[in-house]
C-alpha cells in the first residue's frame, strides 16, 4: 500500500484509512518498531484496562463469590505436606 507523506505543522506524517484503523484495532496510541530498515506500526492494546472498576462493581453487587468450593470433600491435603 502506498501512502503520501503530508505536512503536519513543523513535522510530516501520513494518514491511515478508517478501514485499516478498524481492521487492526488501532486506538489512541501505536508503537513504532524500527527494524532492519523498516518501520513497523503496532497497535498498543490494554487488555486489562477497566478490570479494577469491573471487579469493584462485582464486589459491590455480590457477584464475586466462588462458583464451587476451593477444597473438595474427598481431597487428601496430607499428601501435600
PDB file of N, CA and C in Angstrom:
ATOM      1  N   UNK A   1       0.843  -1.170   0.000  1.00  0.00           N
ATOM      2  CA  UNK A   1       0.000   0.000   0.000  1.00  0.00           C
ATOM      3  C   UNK A   1       0.891   1.237   0.000  1.00  0.00           C
ATOM      4  N   UNK A   2       0.577   2.170  -0.811  1.00  0.00           N
ATOM      5  CA  UNK A   2       1.353   3.405  -0.904  1.00  0.00           C
ATOM      6  C   UNK A   2       0.571   4.543  -0.247  1.00  0.00           C
ATOM      7  N   UNK A   3       1.267   5.315   0.608  1.00  0.00           N
ATOM      8  CA  UNK A   3       0.676   6.465   1.278  1.00  0.00           C
ATOM      9  C   UNK A   3       1.496   7.707   0.976  1.00  0.00           C
ATOM     10  N   UNK A   4       0.845   8.847   0.928  1.00  0.00           N
ATOM     11  CA  UNK A   4       1.543  10.117   0.738  1.00  0.00           C
ATOM     12  C   UNK A   4       1.960  10.669   2.092  1.00  0.00           C
ATOM     13  N   UNK A   5       3.163  11.223   2.147  1.00  0.00           N
ATOM     14  CA  UNK A   5       3.649  11.897   3.350  1.00  0.00           C
ATOM     15  C   UNK A   5       3.160  13.334   3.264  1.00  0.00           C
ATOM     16  N   UNK A   6       2.505  13.802   4.334  1.00  0.00           N
ATOM     17  CA  UNK A   6       1.918  15.145   4.329  1.00  0.00           C
ATOM     18  C   UNK A   6       2.540  15.998   5.432  1.00  0.00           C
ATOM     19  N   UNK A   7       2.473  17.303   5.262  1.00  0.00           N
ATOM     20  CA  UNK A   7       2.991  18.237   6.255  1.00  0.00           C
ATOM     21  C   UNK A   7       1.955  18.401   7.367  1.00  0.00           C
ATOM     22  N   UNK A   8       2.423  18.265   8.609  1.00  0.00           N
ATOM     23  CA  UNK A   8       1.574  18.474   9.783  1.00  0.00           C
ATOM     24  C   UNK A   8       2.342  19.419  10.704  1.00  0.00           C
ATOM     25  N   UNK A   9       2.039  20.715  10.629  1.00  0.00           N
ATOM     26  CA  UNK A   9       2.792  21.714  11.387  1.00  0.00           C
ATOM     27  C   UNK A   9       4.228  21.720  10.919  1.00  0.00           C
ATOM     28  N   UNK A  10       5.187  21.600  11.851  1.00  0.00           N
ATOM     29  CA  UNK A  10       6.603  21.544  11.501  1.00  0.00           C
ATOM     30  C   UNK A  10       7.068  20.116  11.210  1.00  0.00           C
ATOM     31  N   UNK A  11       6.166  19.164  11.322  1.00  0.00           N
ATOM     32  CA  UNK A  11       6.510  17.756  11.125  1.00  0.00           C
ATOM     33  C   UNK A  11       5.876  17.227   9.849  1.00  0.00           C
ATOM     34  N   UNK A  12       6.078  15.962   9.605  1.00  0.00           N
ATOM     35  CA  UNK A  12       5.423  15.286   8.494  1.00  0.00           C
ATOM     36  C   UNK A  12       4.806  14.002   9.025  1.00  0.00           C
ATOM     37  N   UNK A  13       3.786  13.530   8.357  1.00  0.00           N
ATOM     38  CA  UNK A  13       3.107  12.321   8.788  1.00  0.00           C
ATOM     39  C   UNK A  13       2.337  11.712   7.636  1.00  0.00           C
ATOM     40  N   UNK A  14       1.522  10.733   7.948  1.00  0.00           N
ATOM     41  CA  UNK A  14       0.660  10.127   6.939  1.00  0.00           C
ATOM     42  C   UNK A  14      -0.644   9.717   7.598  1.00  0.00           C
ATOM     43  N   UNK A  15      -1.676   9.544   6.777  1.00  0.00           N
ATOM     44  CA  UNK A  15      -2.996   9.180   7.270  1.00  0.00           C
ATOM     45  C   UNK A  15      -3.270   7.720   6.971  1.00  0.00           C
ATOM     46  N   UNK A  16      -3.885   7.053   7.930  1.00  0.00           N
ATOM     47  CA  UNK A  16      -4.335   5.685   7.722  1.00  0.00           C
ATOM     48  C   UNK A  16      -5.841   5.707   7.491  1.00  0.00           C
ATOM     49  N   UNK A  17      -6.301   4.869   6.598  1.00  0.00           N
ATOM     50  CA  UNK A  17      -7.731   4.836   6.309  1.00  0.00           C
ATOM     51  C   UNK A  17      -8.512   4.276   7.489  1.00  0.00           C
ATOM     52  N   UNK A  18      -9.774   4.613   7.547  1.00  0.00           N
ATOM     53  CA  UNK A  18     -10.655   4.115   8.599  1.00  0.00           C
ATOM     54  C   UNK A  18     -10.692   2.587   8.575  1.00  0.00           C
ATOM     55  N   UNK A  19     -10.648   2.009   7.384  1.00  0.00           N
ATOM     56  CA  UNK A  19     -10.677   0.556   7.241  1.00  0.00           C
ATOM     57  C   UNK A  19      -9.480  -0.093   7.935  1.00  0.00           C
ATOM     58  N   UNK A  20      -8.269   0.458   7.714  1.00  0.00           N
ATOM     59  CA  UNK A  20      -7.074  -0.079   8.366  1.00  0.00           C
ATOM     60  C   UNK A  20      -7.116   0.106   9.874  1.00  0.00           C
ATOM     61  N   UNK A  21      -7.577   1.254  10.308  1.00  0.00           N
ATOM     62  CA  UNK A  21      -7.653   1.542  11.737  1.00  0.00           C
ATOM     63  C   UNK A  21      -8.590   0.561  12.429  1.00  0.00           C
ATOM     64  N   UNK A  22      -9.730   0.287  11.809  1.00  0.00           N
ATOM     65  CA  UNK A  22     -10.677  -0.660  12.398  1.00  0.00           C
ATOM     66  C   UNK A  22     -10.167  -2.096  12.308  1.00  0.00           C
ATOM     67  N   UNK A  23      -9.594  -2.467  11.158  1.00  0.00           N
ATOM     68  CA  UNK A  23      -9.122  -3.839  10.958  1.00  0.00           C
ATOM     69  C   UNK A  23      -8.046  -4.222  11.971  1.00  0.00           C
ATOM     70  N   UNK A  24      -7.125  -3.293  12.269  1.00  0.00           N
ATOM     71  CA  UNK A  24      -6.015  -3.582  13.179  1.00  0.00           C
ATOM     72  C   UNK A  24      -6.251  -3.047  14.585  1.00  0.00           C
ATOM     73  N   UNK A  25      -7.480  -2.625  14.859  1.00  0.00           N
ATOM     74  CA  UNK A  25      -7.885  -2.186  16.196  1.00  0.00           C
ATOM     75  C   UNK A  25      -6.949  -1.123  16.763  1.00  0.00           C
ATOM     76  N   UNK A  26      -6.661  -0.116  15.966  1.00  0.00           N
ATOM     77  CA  UNK A  26      -5.797   0.983  16.389  1.00  0.00           C
ATOM     78  C   UNK A  26      -6.642   2.005  17.130  1.00  0.00           C
ATOM     79  N   UNK A  27      -6.223   2.320  18.355  1.00  0.00           N
ATOM     80  CA  UNK A  27      -6.959   3.287  19.183  1.00  0.00           C
ATOM     81  C   UNK A  27      -6.198   4.609  19.208  1.00  0.00           C
ATOM     82  N   UNK A  28      -5.802   5.074  20.392  1.00  0.00           N
ATOM     83  CA  UNK A  28      -5.161   6.378  20.548  1.00  0.00           C
ATOM     84  C   UNK A  28      -3.657   6.350  20.352  1.00  0.00           C
ATOM     85  N   UNK A  29      -3.012   5.177  20.571  1.00  0.00           N
ATOM     86  CA  UNK A  29      -1.559   5.109  20.504  1.00  0.00           C
ATOM     87  C   UNK A  29      -1.118   3.887  19.711  1.00  0.00           C
ATOM     88  N   UNK A  30       0.056   4.016  19.082  1.00  0.00           N
ATOM     89  CA  UNK A  30       0.691   2.891  18.409  1.00  0.00           C
ATOM     90  C   UNK A  30       2.148   2.840  18.832  1.00  0.00           C
ATOM     91  N   UNK A  31       2.754   1.687  18.645  1.00  0.00           N
ATOM     92  CA  UNK A  31       4.180   1.519  18.917  1.00  0.00           C
ATOM     93  C   UNK A  31       4.900   1.473  17.575  1.00  0.00           C
ATOM     94  N   UNK A  32       5.978   2.249  17.441  1.00  0.00           N
ATOM     95  CA  UNK A  32       6.807   2.203  16.242  1.00  0.00           C
ATOM     96  C   UNK A  32       8.023   1.339  16.536  1.00  0.00           C
ATOM     97  N   UNK A  33       8.229   0.341  15.695  1.00  0.00           N
ATOM     98  CA  UNK A  33       9.368  -0.551  15.850  1.00  0.00           C
ATOM     99  C   UNK A  33      10.266  -0.345  14.640  1.00  0.00           C
ATOM    100  N   UNK A  34      11.513   0.058  14.902  1.00  0.00           N
ATOM    101  CA  UNK A  34      12.481   0.266  13.829  1.00  0.00           C
ATOM    102  C   UNK A  34      13.308  -0.998  13.710  1.00  0.00           C
ATOM    103  N   UNK A  35      13.212  -1.662  12.550  1.00  0.00           N
ATOM    104  CA  UNK A  35      13.832  -2.968  12.412  1.00  0.00           C
ATOM    105  C   UNK A  35      14.311  -3.189  10.976  1.00  0.00           C
ATOM    106  N   UNK A  36      15.612  -3.376  10.828  1.00  0.00           N
ATOM    107  CA  UNK A  36      16.214  -3.733   9.526  1.00  0.00           C
ATOM    108  C   UNK A  36      15.739  -2.819   8.388  1.00  0.00           C
ATOM    109  N   UNK A  37      15.807  -1.515   8.609  1.00  0.00           N
ATOM    110  CA  UNK A  37      15.439  -0.569   7.565  1.00  0.00           C
ATOM    111  C   UNK A  37      13.947  -0.437   7.338  1.00  0.00           C
ATOM    112  N   UNK A  38      13.149  -0.957   8.260  1.00  0.00           N
ATOM    113  CA  UNK A  38      11.697  -0.878   8.142  1.00  0.00           C
ATOM    114  C   UNK A  38      11.114  -0.221   9.387  1.00  0.00           C
ATOM    115  N   UNK A  39       9.956   0.373   9.221  1.00  0.00           N
ATOM    116  CA  UNK A  39       9.203   0.903  10.349  1.00  0.00           C
ATOM    117  C   UNK A  39       7.947   0.062  10.471  1.00  0.00           C
ATOM    118  N   UNK A  40       7.770  -0.553  11.625  1.00  0.00           N
ATOM    119  CA  UNK A  40       6.586  -1.379  11.879  1.00  0.00           C
ATOM    120  C   UNK A  40       5.686  -0.607  12.821  1.00  0.00           C
ATOM    121  N   UNK A  41       4.423  -0.478  12.458  1.00  0.00           N
ATOM    122  CA  UNK A  41       3.435   0.208  13.293  1.00  0.00           C
ATOM    123  C   UNK A  41       2.588  -0.865  13.956  1.00  0.00           C
ATOM    124  N   UNK A  42       2.615  -0.872  15.294  1.00  0.00           N
ATOM    125  CA  UNK A  42       1.916  -1.909  16.049  1.00  0.00           C
ATOM    126  C   UNK A  42       0.921  -1.252  17.003  1.00  0.00           C
ATOM    127  N   UNK A  43      -0.349  -1.651  16.955  1.00  0.00           N
ATOM    128  CA  UNK A  43      -1.313  -1.061  17.898  1.00  0.00           C
ATOM    129  C   UNK A  43      -0.962  -1.417  19.334  1.00  0.00           C
ATOM    130  N   UNK A  44      -1.165  -0.470  20.232  1.00  0.00           N
ATOM    131  CA  UNK A  44      -0.951  -0.714  21.656  1.00  0.00           C
ATOM    132  C   UNK A  44      -2.305  -1.087  22.247  1.00  0.00           C
ATOM    133  N   UNK A  45      -2.354  -2.260  22.865  1.00  0.00           N
ATOM    134  CA  UNK A  45      -3.609  -2.678  23.477  1.00  0.00           C
ATOM    135  C   UNK A  45      -3.441  -2.724  24.989  1.00  0.00           C
ATOM    136  N   UNK A  46      -4.526  -2.488  25.666  1.00  0.00           N
ATOM    137  CA  UNK A  46      -4.564  -2.574  27.125  1.00  0.00           C
ATOM    138  C   UNK A  46      -5.657  -3.568  27.497  1.00  0.00           C
ATOM    139  N   UNK A  47      -5.354  -4.864  27.395  1.00  0.00           N
ATOM    140  CA  UNK A  47      -6.408  -5.864  27.585  1.00  0.00           C
ATOM    141  C   UNK A  47      -7.034  -5.877  28.967  1.00  0.00           C
ATOM    142  N   UNK A  48      -6.321  -5.411  29.984  1.00  0.00           N
ATOM    143  CA  UNK A  48      -6.870  -5.430  31.347  1.00  0.00           C
ATOM    144  C   UNK A  48      -7.392  -4.071  31.784  1.00  0.00           C
ATOM    145  N   UNK A  49      -7.458  -3.142  30.842  1.00  0.00           N
ATOM    146  CA  UNK A  49      -7.949  -1.816  31.168  1.00  0.00           C
ATOM    147  C   UNK A  49      -9.412  -1.913  31.612  1.00  0.00           C
ATOM    148  N   UNK A  50      -9.734  -1.313  32.722  1.00  0.00           N
ATOM    149  CA  UNK A  50     -11.094  -1.316  33.237  1.00  0.00           C
ATOM    150  C   UNK A  50     -11.406  -2.473  34.168  1.00  0.00           C
ATOM    151  N   UNK A  51     -10.462  -3.403  34.349  1.00  0.00           N
ATOM    152  CA  UNK A  51     -10.700  -4.556  35.216  1.00  0.00           C
ATOM    153  C   UNK A  51     -10.922  -4.136  36.664  1.00  0.00           C
ATOM    154  N   UNK A  52     -10.139  -3.164  37.141  1.00  0.00           N
ATOM    155  CA  UNK A  52     -10.266  -2.747  38.541  1.00  0.00           C
ATOM    156  C   UNK A  52     -11.677  -2.259  38.829  1.00  0.00           C
ATOM    157  N   UNK A  53     -12.207  -1.445  37.937  1.00  0.00           N
ATOM    158  CA  UNK A  53     -13.564  -0.926  38.107  1.00  0.00           C
ATOM    159  C   UNK A  53     -14.585  -2.064  38.045  1.00  0.00           C
ATOM    160  N   UNK A  54     -14.394  -2.990  37.105  1.00  0.00           N
ATOM    161  CA  UNK A  54     -15.316  -4.116  36.964  1.00  0.00           C
ATOM    162  C   UNK A  54     -15.303  -4.996  38.207  1.00  0.00           C
ATOM    163  N   UNK A  55     -14.111  -5.270  38.757  1.00  0.00           N
ATOM    164  CA  UNK A  55     -14.018  -6.096  39.957  1.00  0.00           C
ATOM    165  C   UNK A  55     -14.675  -5.398  41.153  1.00  0.00           C
ATOM    166  N   UNK A  56     -14.502  -4.095  41.219  1.00  0.00           N
ATOM    167  CA  UNK A  56     -15.108  -3.347  42.315  1.00  0.00           C
ATOM    168  C   UNK A  56     -16.633  -3.423  42.225  1.00  0.00           C
ATOM    169  N   UNK A  57     -17.178  -3.284  41.004  1.00  0.00           N
ATOM    170  CA  UNK A  57     -18.620  -3.381  40.810  1.00  0.00           C
ATOM    171  C   UNK A  57     -19.116  -4.783  41.138  1.00  0.00           C
ATOM    172  N   UNK A  58     -18.352  -5.810  40.748  1.00  0.00           N
ATOM    173  CA  UNK A  58     -18.727  -7.187  41.077  1.00  0.00           C
ATOM    174  C   UNK A  58     -18.828  -7.367  42.581  1.00  0.00           C
ATOM    175  N   UNK A  59     -17.852  -6.811  43.312  1.00  0.00           N
ATOM    176  CA  UNK A  59     -17.844  -6.928  44.772  1.00  0.00           C
ATOM    177  C   UNK A  59     -19.049  -6.224  45.378  1.00  0.00           C
ATOM    178  N   UNK A  60     -19.326  -5.026  44.883  1.00  0.00           N
ATOM    179  CA  UNK A  60     -20.465  -4.262  45.405  1.00  0.00           C
ATOM    180  C   UNK A  60     -21.783  -4.975  45.147  1.00  0.00           C
ATOM    181  N   UNK A  61     -21.875  -5.690  44.015  1.00  0.00           N
ATOM    182  CA  UNK A  61     -23.098  -6.417  43.664  1.00  0.00           C
ATOM    183  C   UNK A  61     -23.145  -7.829  44.252  1.00  0.00           C
ATOM    184  N   UNK A  62     -22.059  -8.242  44.924  1.00  0.00           N
ATOM    185  CA  UNK A  62     -22.005  -9.580  45.482  1.00  0.00           C
ATOM    186  C   UNK A  62     -21.795 -10.666  44.442  1.00  0.00           C
ATOM    187  N   UNK A  63     -21.286 -10.290  43.269  1.00  0.00           N
ATOM    188  CA  UNK A  63     -21.074 -11.239  42.173  1.00  0.00           C
ATOM    189  C   UNK A  63     -19.690 -11.865  42.184  1.00  0.00           C
ATOM    190  N   UNK A  64     -18.905 -11.649  43.227  1.00  0.00           N
ATOM    191  CA  UNK A  64     -17.533 -12.164  43.254  1.00  0.00           C
ATOM    192  C   UNK A  64     -17.400 -13.381  44.162  1.00  0.00           C
ATOM    193  N   UNK A  65     -18.434 -14.200  44.216  1.00  0.00           N
ATOM    194  CA  UNK A  65     -18.410 -15.406  45.040  1.00  0.00           C
ATOM    195  C   UNK A  65     -17.845 -16.572  44.228  1.00  0.00           C
ATOM    196  N   UNK A  66     -17.249 -17.544  44.936  1.00  0.00           N
ATOM    197  CA  UNK A  66     -16.738 -18.742  44.268  1.00  0.00           C
ATOM    198  C   UNK A  66     -17.899 -19.539  43.677  1.00  0.00           C
ATOM    199  N   UNK A  67     -17.672 -20.116  42.500  1.00  0.00           N
ATOM    200  CA  UNK A  67     -18.700 -20.928  41.875  1.00  0.00           C
ATOM    201  C   UNK A  67     -18.726 -22.341  42.440  1.00  0.00           C
ATOM    202  N   UNK A  68     -17.600 -22.771  43.005  1.00  0.00           N
ATOM    203  CA  UNK A  68     -17.530 -24.078  43.657  1.00  0.00           C
ATOM    204  C   UNK A  68     -16.507 -23.980  44.774  1.00  0.00           C
ATOM    205  N   UNK A  69     -16.558 -24.932  45.714  1.00  0.00           N
ATOM    206  CA  UNK A  69     -15.646 -24.903  46.854  1.00  0.00           C
ATOM    207  C   UNK A  69     -14.201 -25.034  46.393  1.00  0.00           C
ATOM    208  N   UNK A  70     -13.302 -24.359  47.078  1.00  0.00           N
ATOM    209  CA  UNK A  70     -11.889 -24.434  46.709  1.00  0.00           C
ATOM    210  C   UNK A  70     -11.215 -25.682  47.269  1.00  0.00           C
ATOM    211  N   UNK A  71     -11.876 -26.393  48.171  1.00  0.00           N
ATOM    212  CA  UNK A  71     -11.371 -27.661  48.694  1.00  0.00           C
ATOM    213  C   UNK A  71     -12.493 -28.685  48.540  1.00  0.00           C
ATOM    214  N   UNK A  72     -12.196 -29.796  47.898  1.00  0.00           N
ATOM    215  CA  UNK A  72     -13.199 -30.828  47.688  1.00  0.00           C
ATOM    216  C   UNK A  72     -13.246 -31.762  48.894  1.00  0.00           C
ATOM    217  N   UNK A  73     -14.399 -32.347  49.126  1.00  0.00           N
ATOM    218  CA  UNK A  73     -14.597 -33.219  50.280  1.00  0.00           C
ATOM    219  C   UNK A  73     -13.649 -34.413  50.275  1.00  0.00           C
ATOM    220  N   UNK A  74     -13.372 -34.985  49.119  1.00  0.00           N
ATOM    221  CA  UNK A  74     -12.533 -36.182  49.032  1.00  0.00           C
ATOM    222  C   UNK A  74     -11.055 -35.856  48.791  1.00  0.00           C
ATOM    223  N   UNK A  75     -10.685 -34.603  48.924  1.00  0.00           N
ATOM    224  CA  UNK A  75      -9.304 -34.207  48.676  1.00  0.00           C
ATOM    225  C   UNK A  75      -8.425 -34.551  49.880  1.00  0.00           C
ATOM    226  N   UNK A  76      -7.269 -35.167  49.634  1.00  0.00           N
ATOM    227  CA  UNK A  76      -6.345 -35.544  50.690  1.00  0.00           C
ATOM    228  C   UNK A  76      -5.259 -34.474  50.793  1.00  0.00           C
ATOM    229  N   UNK A  77      -5.433 -33.596  51.771  1.00  0.00           N
ATOM    230  CA  UNK A  77      -4.495 -32.479  51.920  1.00  0.00           C
ATOM    231  C   UNK A  77      -3.172 -32.922  52.537  1.00  0.00           C
ATOM    232  N   UNK A  78      -3.147 -34.086  53.206  1.00  0.00           N
ATOM    233  CA  UNK A  78      -1.919 -34.567  53.835  1.00  0.00           C
ATOM    234  C   UNK A  78      -0.849 -34.917  52.819  1.00  0.00           C
ATOM    235  N   UNK A  79      -1.251 -35.327  51.626  1.00  0.00           N
ATOM    236  CA  UNK A  79      -0.243 -35.696  50.632  1.00  0.00           C
ATOM    237  C   UNK A  79       0.551 -34.499  50.138  1.00  0.00           C
ATOM    238  N   UNK A  80       0.097 -33.290  50.409  1.00  0.00           N
ATOM    239  CA  UNK A  80       0.820 -32.084  50.012  1.00  0.00           C
ATOM    240  C   UNK A  80       1.739 -31.587  51.115  1.00  0.00           C
ATOM    241  N   UNK A  81       1.718 -32.216  52.270  1.00  0.00           N
ATOM    242  CA  UNK A  81       2.557 -31.773  53.400  1.00  0.00           C
ATOM    243  C   UNK A  81       3.961 -32.285  53.271  1.00  0.00           C
TER     244      UNK A  81
END
